[in-house]
Amino acid sequence: MALAKKGTRLIKVDGVEYRWVVQPDDEPGMAVVVECQGNIISPWLLRKAILYAIDQGWNPKQRGQQIVFRFEGDHIKEK
């Protein structure tokens, strides 16, 4: 399912545009949904999350399983 444009933001990481949105109802913490696109969460943190997901096998140009992880401070904790 694609993200709606309303309420989302764009970020470019390594030349690729991603659309993202925060889901504040995810407790504890908050979830970030990211979708490849040919201000609580900073661009730095979002970039780190995208690069981590790619490193874990996420291919933003293909459908696949979710990669779920959480940030604790500026460290990533896998679920």
PDB file of N, CA and C in Angstrom:
ATOM      1  N   MET A   1       0.839  -1.171   0.000  1.00  0.00           N
ATOM      2  CA  MET A   1       0.000   0.000   0.000  1.00  0.00           C
ATOM      3  C   MET A   1       0.882   1.231   0.000  1.00  0.00           C
ATOM      4  N   ALA A   2       0.640   2.143  -0.882  1.00  0.00           N
ATOM      5  CA  ALA A   2       1.445   3.360  -1.006  1.00  0.00           C
ATOM      6  C   ALA A   2       1.022   4.378   0.039  1.00  0.00           C
ATOM      7  N   LEU A   3       1.973   5.204   0.432  1.00  0.00           N
ATOM      8  CA  LEU A   3       1.676   6.287   1.360  1.00  0.00           C
ATOM      9  C   LEU A   3       0.969   7.418   0.627  1.00  0.00           C
ATOM     10  N   ALA A   4      -0.022   7.995   1.262  1.00  0.00           N
ATOM     11  CA  ALA A   4      -0.676   9.177   0.700  1.00  0.00           C
ATOM     12  C   ALA A   4       0.299  10.343   0.788  1.00  0.00           C
ATOM     13  N   LYS A   5       0.194  11.288  -0.129  1.00  0.00           N
ATOM     14  CA  LYS A   5       1.097  12.440  -0.099  1.00  0.00           C
ATOM     15  C   LYS A   5       0.765  13.376   1.058  1.00  0.00           C
ATOM     16  N   LYS A   6      -0.520  13.509   1.373  1.00  0.00           N
ATOM     17  CA  LYS A   6      -0.931  14.422   2.441  1.00  0.00           C
ATOM     18  C   LYS A   6      -0.387  13.939   3.784  1.00  0.00           C
ATOM     19  N   GLY A   7       0.307  14.820   4.469  1.00  0.00           N
ATOM     20  CA  GLY A   7       0.842  14.494   5.787  1.00  0.00           C
ATOM     21  C   GLY A   7       2.182  13.789   5.779  1.00  0.00           C
ATOM     22  N   THR A   8       2.761  13.559   4.595  1.00  0.00           N
ATOM     23  CA  THR A   8       4.063  12.905   4.531  1.00  0.00           C
ATOM     24  C   THR A   8       5.134  13.904   4.109  1.00  0.00           C
ATOM     25  N   ARG A   9       6.379  13.508   4.261  1.00  0.00           N
ATOM     26  CA  ARG A   9       7.500  14.363   3.883  1.00  0.00           C
ATOM     27  C   ARG A   9       8.432  13.576   2.974  1.00  0.00           C
ATOM     28  N   LEU A  10       9.272  14.293   2.261  1.00  0.00           N
ATOM     29  CA  LEU A  10      10.261  13.668   1.384  1.00  0.00           C
ATOM     30  C   LEU A  10      11.663  13.869   1.944  1.00  0.00           C
ATOM     31  N   ILE A  11      12.523  12.882   1.719  1.00  0.00           N
ATOM     32  CA  ILE A  11      13.939  12.994   2.046  1.00  0.00           C
ATOM     33  C   ILE A  11      14.703  12.283   0.931  1.00  0.00           C
ATOM     34  N   LYS A  12      15.856  12.819   0.576  1.00  0.00           N
ATOM     35  CA  LYS A  12      16.704  12.189  -0.443  1.00  0.00           C
ATOM     36  C   LYS A  12      17.931  11.614   0.256  1.00  0.00           C
ATOM     37  N   VAL A  13      18.182  10.308   0.051  1.00  0.00           N
ATOM     38  CA  VAL A  13      19.322   9.611   0.634  1.00  0.00           C
ATOM     39  C   VAL A  13      20.078   8.943  -0.503  1.00  0.00           C
ATOM     40  N   ASP A  14      21.330   9.287  -0.667  1.00  0.00           N
ATOM     41  CA  ASP A  14      22.171   8.709  -1.727  1.00  0.00           C
ATOM     42  C   ASP A  14      21.495   8.802  -3.090  1.00  0.00           C
ATOM     43  N   GLY A  15      20.876   9.931  -3.377  1.00  0.00           N
ATOM     44  CA  GLY A  15      20.281  10.185  -4.680  1.00  0.00           C
ATOM     45  C   GLY A  15      18.894   9.590  -4.898  1.00  0.00           C
ATOM     46  N   VAL A  16      18.334   8.906  -3.895  1.00  0.00           N
ATOM     47  CA  VAL A  16      17.007   8.297  -4.015  1.00  0.00           C
ATOM     48  C   VAL A  16      16.048   9.036  -3.090  1.00  0.00           C
ATOM     49  N   GLU A  17      14.857   9.397  -3.626  1.00  0.00           N
ATOM     50  CA  GLU A  17      13.855  10.070  -2.803  1.00  0.00           C
ATOM     51  C   GLU A  17      12.989   9.043  -2.083  1.00  0.00           C
ATOM     52  N   TYR A  18      12.727   9.325  -0.791  1.00  0.00           N
ATOM     53  CA  TYR A  18      11.855   8.495   0.027  1.00  0.00           C
ATOM     54  C   TYR A  18      10.745   9.378   0.593  1.00  0.00           C
ATOM     55  N   ARG A  19       9.546   8.846   0.681  1.00  0.00           N
ATOM     56  CA  ARG A  19       8.428   9.524   1.340  1.00  0.00           C
ATOM     57  C   ARG A  19       8.277   8.862   2.703  1.00  0.00           C
ATOM     58  N   TRP A  20       8.073   9.660   3.757  1.00  0.00           N
ATOM     59  CA  TRP A  20       7.989   9.107   5.102  1.00  0.00           C
ATOM     60  C   TRP A  20       6.938   9.831   5.924  1.00  0.00           C
ATOM     61  N   VAL A  21       6.487   9.142   6.958  1.00  0.00           N
ATOM     62  CA  VAL A  21       5.507   9.694   7.879  1.00  0.00           C
ATOM     63  C   VAL A  21       5.716   9.062   9.253  1.00  0.00           C
ATOM     64  N   VAL A  22       5.444   9.819  10.284  1.00  0.00           N
ATOM     65  CA  VAL A  22       5.521   9.331  11.660  1.00  0.00           C
ATOM     66  C   VAL A  22       4.143   8.833  12.068  1.00  0.00           C
ATOM     67  N   GLN A  23       4.098   7.684  12.711  1.00  0.00           N
ATOM     68  CA  GLN A  23       2.854   7.165  13.263  1.00  0.00           C
ATOM     69  C   GLN A  23       2.948   7.272  14.780  1.00  0.00           C
ATOM     70  N   PRO A  24       2.467   8.373  15.364  1.00  0.00           N
ATOM     71  CA  PRO A  24       2.648   8.623  16.794  1.00  0.00           C
ATOM     72  C   PRO A  24       1.840   7.702  17.702  1.00  0.00           C
ATOM     73  N   ASP A  25       0.927   6.896  17.152  1.00  0.00           N
ATOM     74  CA  ASP A  25       0.116   6.020  17.990  1.00  0.00           C
ATOM     75  C   ASP A  25       0.798   4.702  18.311  1.00  0.00           C
ATOM     76  N   ASP A  26       2.024   4.511  17.861  1.00  0.00           N
ATOM     77  CA  ASP A  26       2.778   3.292  18.135  1.00  0.00           C
ATOM     78  C   ASP A  26       3.400   3.411  19.521  1.00  0.00           C
ATOM     79  N   GLU A  27       2.956   2.619  20.465  1.00  0.00           N
ATOM     80  CA  GLU A  27       3.458   2.710  21.834  1.00  0.00           C
ATOM     81  C   GLU A  27       4.237   1.466  22.203  1.00  0.00           C
ATOM     82  N   PRO A  28       5.344   1.536  22.946  1.00  0.00           N
ATOM     83  CA  PRO A  28       5.987   2.802  23.321  1.00  0.00           C
ATOM     84  C   PRO A  28       6.801   3.348  22.155  1.00  0.00           C
ATOM     85  N   GLY A  29       6.981   4.613  22.117  1.00  0.00           N
ATOM     86  CA  GLY A  29       7.764   5.256  21.069  1.00  0.00           C
ATOM     87  C   GLY A  29       6.904   5.690  19.906  1.00  0.00           C
ATOM     88  N   MET A  30       7.494   5.702  18.729  1.00  0.00           N
ATOM     89  CA  MET A  30       6.755   6.064  17.529  1.00  0.00           C
ATOM     90  C   MET A  30       7.317   5.303  16.343  1.00  0.00           C
ATOM     91  N   ALA A  31       6.470   5.051  15.377  1.00  0.00           N
ATOM     92  CA  ALA A  31       6.884   4.329  14.178  1.00  0.00           C
ATOM     93  C   ALA A  31       7.091   5.313  13.046  1.00  0.00           C
ATOM     94  N   VAL A  32       8.006   4.982  12.163  1.00  0.00           N
ATOM     95  CA  VAL A  32       8.227   5.758  10.949  1.00  0.00           C
ATOM     96  C   VAL A  32       7.973   4.811   9.779  1.00  0.00           C
ATOM     97  N   VAL A  33       7.092   5.208   8.885  1.00  0.00           N
ATOM     98  CA  VAL A  33       6.826   4.426   7.682  1.00  0.00           C
ATOM     99  C   VAL A  33       7.549   5.106   6.537  1.00  0.00           C
ATOM    100  N   VAL A  34       8.367   4.343   5.812  1.00  0.00           N
ATOM    101  CA  VAL A  34       9.172   4.901   4.730  1.00  0.00           C
ATOM    102  C   VAL A  34       8.822   4.176   3.436  1.00  0.00           C
ATOM    103  N   GLU A  35       8.708   4.953   2.370  1.00  0.00           N
ATOM    104  CA  GLU A  35       8.413   4.394   1.052  1.00  0.00           C
ATOM    105  C   GLU A  35       9.366   5.026   0.048  1.00  0.00           C
ATOM    106  N   CYS A  36       9.914   4.207  -0.829  1.00  0.00           N
ATOM    107  CA  CYS A  36      10.816   4.725  -1.848  1.00  0.00           C
ATOM    108  C   CYS A  36      10.035   5.546  -2.853  1.00  0.00           C
ATOM    109  N   GLN A  37      10.547   6.686  -3.250  1.00  0.00           N
ATOM    110  CA  GLN A  37       9.947   7.577  -4.255  1.00  0.00           C
ATOM    111  C   GLN A  37      10.941   7.785  -5.377  1.00  0.00           C
ATOM    112  N   GLY A  38      11.160   7.159  -6.331  1.00  0.00           N
ATOM    113  CA  GLY A  38      12.094   7.514  -7.425  1.00  0.00           C
ATOM    114  C   GLY A  38      12.505   8.970  -7.141  1.00  0.00           C
ATOM    115  N   ASN A  39       8.223  17.734  13.136  1.00  0.00           N
ATOM    116  CA  ASN A  39       9.585  17.777  13.008  1.00  0.00           C
ATOM    117  C   ASN A  39      10.298  17.337  14.264  1.00  0.00           C
ATOM    118  N   ILE A  40       9.671  16.161  14.365  1.00  0.00           N
ATOM    119  CA  ILE A  40      10.203  15.474  15.541  1.00  0.00           C
ATOM    120  C   ILE A  40      11.357  14.579  15.137  1.00  0.00           C
ATOM    121  N   ILE A  41      11.237  14.015  13.994  1.00  0.00           N
ATOM    122  CA  ILE A  41      12.296  13.167  13.497  1.00  0.00           C
ATOM    123  C   ILE A  41      13.153  13.990  12.549  1.00  0.00           C
ATOM    124  N   SER A  42      14.405  14.086  12.878  1.00  0.00           N
ATOM    125  CA  SER A  42      15.302  14.907  12.074  1.00  0.00           C
ATOM    126  C   SER A  42      15.701  14.160  10.802  1.00  0.00           C
ATOM    127  N   PRO A  43      16.090  14.877   9.773  1.00  0.00           N
ATOM    128  CA  PRO A  43      16.589  14.219   8.568  1.00  0.00           C
ATOM    129  C   PRO A  43      17.782  13.307   8.850  1.00  0.00           C
ATOM    130  N   TRP A  44      18.617  13.667   9.811  1.00  0.00           N
ATOM    131  CA  TRP A  44      19.764  12.836  10.170  1.00  0.00           C
ATOM    132  C   TRP A  44      19.307  11.475  10.685  1.00  0.00           C
ATOM    133  N   LEU A  45      18.315  11.462  11.566  1.00  0.00           N
ATOM    134  CA  LEU A  45      17.817  10.217  12.141  1.00  0.00           C
ATOM    135  C   LEU A  45      17.112   9.375  11.075  1.00  0.00           C
ATOM    136  N   LEU A  46      16.347  10.016  10.244  1.00  0.00           N
ATOM    137  CA  LEU A  46      15.659   9.302   9.177  1.00  0.00           C
ATOM    138  C   LEU A  46      16.655   8.698   8.189  1.00  0.00           C
ATOM    139  N   ARG A  47      17.697   9.434   7.852  1.00  0.00           N
ATOM    140  CA  ARG A  47      18.743   8.910   6.959  1.00  0.00           C
ATOM    141  C   ARG A  47      19.391   7.686   7.575  1.00  0.00           C
ATOM    142  N   LYS A  48      19.680   7.742   8.866  1.00  0.00           N
ATOM    143  CA  LYS A  48      20.281   6.610   9.564  1.00  0.00           C
ATOM    144  C   LYS A  48      19.350   5.392   9.516  1.00  0.00           C
ATOM    145  N   ALA A  49      18.061   5.606   9.687  1.00  0.00           N
ATOM    146  CA  ALA A  49      17.090   4.509   9.639  1.00  0.00           C
ATOM    147  C   ALA A  49      17.030   3.884   8.243  1.00  0.00           C
ATOM    148  N   ILE A  50      17.001   4.712   7.208  1.00  0.00           N
ATOM    149  CA  ILE A  50      16.938   4.199   5.839  1.00  0.00           C
ATOM    150  C   ILE A  50      18.196   3.395   5.509  1.00  0.00           C
ATOM    151  N   LEU A  51      19.359   3.917   5.847  1.00  0.00           N
ATOM    152  CA  LEU A  51      20.606   3.203   5.572  1.00  0.00           C
ATOM    153  C   LEU A  51      20.673   1.888   6.349  1.00  0.00           C
ATOM    154  N   TYR A  52      20.182   1.882   7.596  1.00  0.00           N
ATOM    155  CA  TYR A  52      20.155   0.657   8.394  1.00  0.00           C
ATOM    156  C   TYR A  52      19.240  -0.381   7.739  1.00  0.00           C
ATOM    157  N   ALA A  53      18.046   0.045   7.320  1.00  0.00           N
ATOM    158  CA  ALA A  53      17.096  -0.878   6.690  1.00  0.00           C
ATOM    159  C   ALA A  53      17.678  -1.473   5.409  1.00  0.00           C
ATOM    160  N   ILE A  54      18.330  -0.649   4.604  1.00  0.00           N
ATOM    161  CA  ILE A  54      18.971  -1.147   3.382  1.00  0.00           C
ATOM    162  C   ILE A  54      20.049  -2.170   3.741  1.00  0.00           C
ATOM    163  N   ASP A  55      20.826  -1.885   4.774  1.00  0.00           N
ATOM    164  CA  ASP A  55      21.870  -2.794   5.229  1.00  0.00           C
ATOM    165  C   ASP A  55      21.290  -4.128   5.713  1.00  0.00           C
ATOM    166  N   GLN A  56      20.048  -4.093   6.239  1.00  0.00           N
ATOM    167  CA  GLN A  56      19.383  -5.297   6.737  1.00  0.00           C
ATOM    168  C   GLN A  56      18.644  -6.063   5.638  1.00  0.00           C
ATOM    169  N   GLY A  57      18.744  -5.586   4.386  1.00  0.00           N
ATOM    170  CA  GLY A  57      18.156  -6.315   3.279  1.00  0.00           C
ATOM    171  C   GLY A  57      16.918  -5.686   2.674  1.00  0.00           C
ATOM    172  N   TRP A  58      16.505  -4.517   3.176  1.00  0.00           N
ATOM    173  CA  TRP A  58      15.336  -3.849   2.597  1.00  0.00           C
ATOM    174  C   TRP A  58      15.672  -3.383   1.191  1.00  0.00           C
ATOM    175  N   ASN A  59      14.822  -3.755   0.249  1.00  0.00           N
ATOM    176  CA  ASN A  59      14.971  -3.267  -1.120  1.00  0.00           C
ATOM    177  C   ASN A  59      13.792  -2.332  -1.369  1.00  0.00           C
ATOM    178  N   PRO A  60      14.018  -1.036  -1.391  1.00  0.00           N
ATOM    179  CA  PRO A  60      12.919  -0.081  -1.490  1.00  0.00           C
ATOM    180  C   PRO A  60      12.164  -0.123  -2.809  1.00  0.00           C
ATOM    181  N   LYS A  61      12.690  -0.838  -3.780  1.00  0.00           N
ATOM    182  CA  LYS A  61      12.028  -0.890  -5.080  1.00  0.00           C
ATOM    183  C   LYS A  61      11.239  -2.186  -5.276  1.00  0.00           C
ATOM    184  N   GLN A  62      11.187  -3.020  -4.250  1.00  0.00           N
ATOM    185  CA  GLN A  62      10.441  -4.273  -4.341  1.00  0.00           C
ATOM    186  C   GLN A  62       9.540  -4.423  -3.123  1.00  0.00           C
ATOM    187  N   ARG A  63       8.428  -5.122  -3.336  1.00  0.00           N
ATOM    188  CA  ARG A  63       7.551  -5.440  -2.201  1.00  0.00           C
ATOM    189  C   ARG A  63       8.245  -6.494  -1.361  1.00  0.00           C
ATOM    190  N   GLY A  64       8.017  -6.454  -0.073  1.00  0.00           N
ATOM    191  CA  GLY A  64       8.626  -7.447   0.796  1.00  0.00           C
ATOM    192  C   GLY A  64       8.143  -7.281   2.215  1.00  0.00           C
ATOM    193  N   GLN A  65       8.710  -8.071   3.100  1.00  0.00           N
ATOM    194  CA  GLN A  65       8.343  -8.008   4.501  1.00  0.00           C
ATOM    195  C   GLN A  65       8.839  -6.713   5.140  1.00  0.00           C
ATOM    196  N   GLN A  66       8.148  -6.331   6.209  1.00  0.00           N
ATOM    197  CA  GLN A  66       8.564  -5.163   6.973  1.00  0.00           C
ATOM    198  C   GLN A  66       9.870  -5.463   7.696  1.00  0.00           C
ATOM    199  N   ILE A  67      10.677  -4.452   7.863  1.00  0.00           N
ATOM    200  CA  ILE A  67      11.849  -4.533   8.726  1.00  0.00           C
ATOM    201  C   ILE A  67      11.514  -3.643   9.914  1.00  0.00           C
ATOM    202  N   VAL A  68      11.439  -4.242  11.087  1.00  0.00           N
ATOM    203  CA  VAL A  68      11.009  -3.511  12.277  1.00  0.00           C
ATOM    204  C   VAL A  68      12.190  -3.347  13.217  1.00  0.00           C
ATOM    205  N   PHE A  69      12.426  -2.111  13.630  1.00  0.00           N
ATOM    206  CA  PHE A  69      13.457  -1.815  14.617  1.00  0.00           C
ATOM    207  C   PHE A  69      13.085  -0.518  15.316  1.00  0.00           C
ATOM    208  N   ARG A  70      13.724  -0.259  16.425  1.00  0.00           N
ATOM    209  CA  ARG A  70      13.457   0.952  17.200  1.00  0.00           C
ATOM    210  C   ARG A  70      14.762   1.670  17.496  1.00  0.00           C
ATOM    211  N   PHE A  71      14.654   2.968  17.621  1.00  0.00           N
ATOM    212  CA  PHE A  71      15.784   3.764  18.091  1.00  0.00           C
ATOM    213  C   PHE A  71      15.658   3.930  19.593  1.00  0.00           C
ATOM    214  N   GLU A  72      16.753   3.770  20.279  1.00  0.00           N
ATOM    215  CA  GLU A  72      16.846   4.127  21.696  1.00  0.00           C
ATOM    216  C   GLU A  72      17.946   5.163  21.768  1.00  0.00           C
ATOM    217  N   GLY A  73      17.556   6.410  21.927  1.00  0.00           N
ATOM    218  CA  GLY A  73      18.504   7.506  21.781  1.00  0.00           C
ATOM    219  C   GLY A  73      18.882   7.576  20.322  1.00  0.00           C
ATOM    220  N   ASP A  74      20.165   7.443  20.024  1.00  0.00           N
ATOM    221  CA  ASP A  74      20.572   7.420  18.618  1.00  0.00           C
ATOM    222  C   ASP A  74      21.072   6.030  18.201  1.00  0.00           C
ATOM    223  N   HIS A  75      20.765   5.000  19.031  1.00  0.00           N
ATOM    224  CA  HIS A  75      21.165   3.622  18.726  1.00  0.00           C
ATOM    225  C   HIS A  75      19.942   2.851  18.237  1.00  0.00           C
ATOM    226  N   ILE A  76      20.171   1.961  17.304  1.00  0.00           N
ATOM    227  CA  ILE A  76      19.099   1.123  16.782  1.00  0.00           C
ATOM    228  C   ILE A  76      19.013  -0.163  17.585  1.00  0.00           C
ATOM    229  N   LYS A  77      17.788  -0.500  17.986  1.00  0.00           N
ATOM    230  CA  LYS A  77      17.544  -1.746  18.717  1.00  0.00           C
ATOM    231  C   LYS A  77      16.577  -2.570  17.877  1.00  0.00           C
ATOM    232  N   GLU A  78      16.996  -3.787  17.503  1.00  0.00           N
ATOM    233  CA  GLU A  78      16.120  -4.641  16.710  1.00  0.00           C
ATOM    234  C   GLU A  78      15.033  -5.206  17.595  1.00  0.00           C
ATOM    235  N   LYS A  79      13.856  -5.432  16.980  1.00  0.00           N
ATOM    236  CA  LYS A  79      12.736  -6.024  17.717  1.00  0.00           C
ATOM    237  C   LYS A  79      12.864  -7.514  17.749  1.00  0.00           C
TER     238      LYS A  79
END
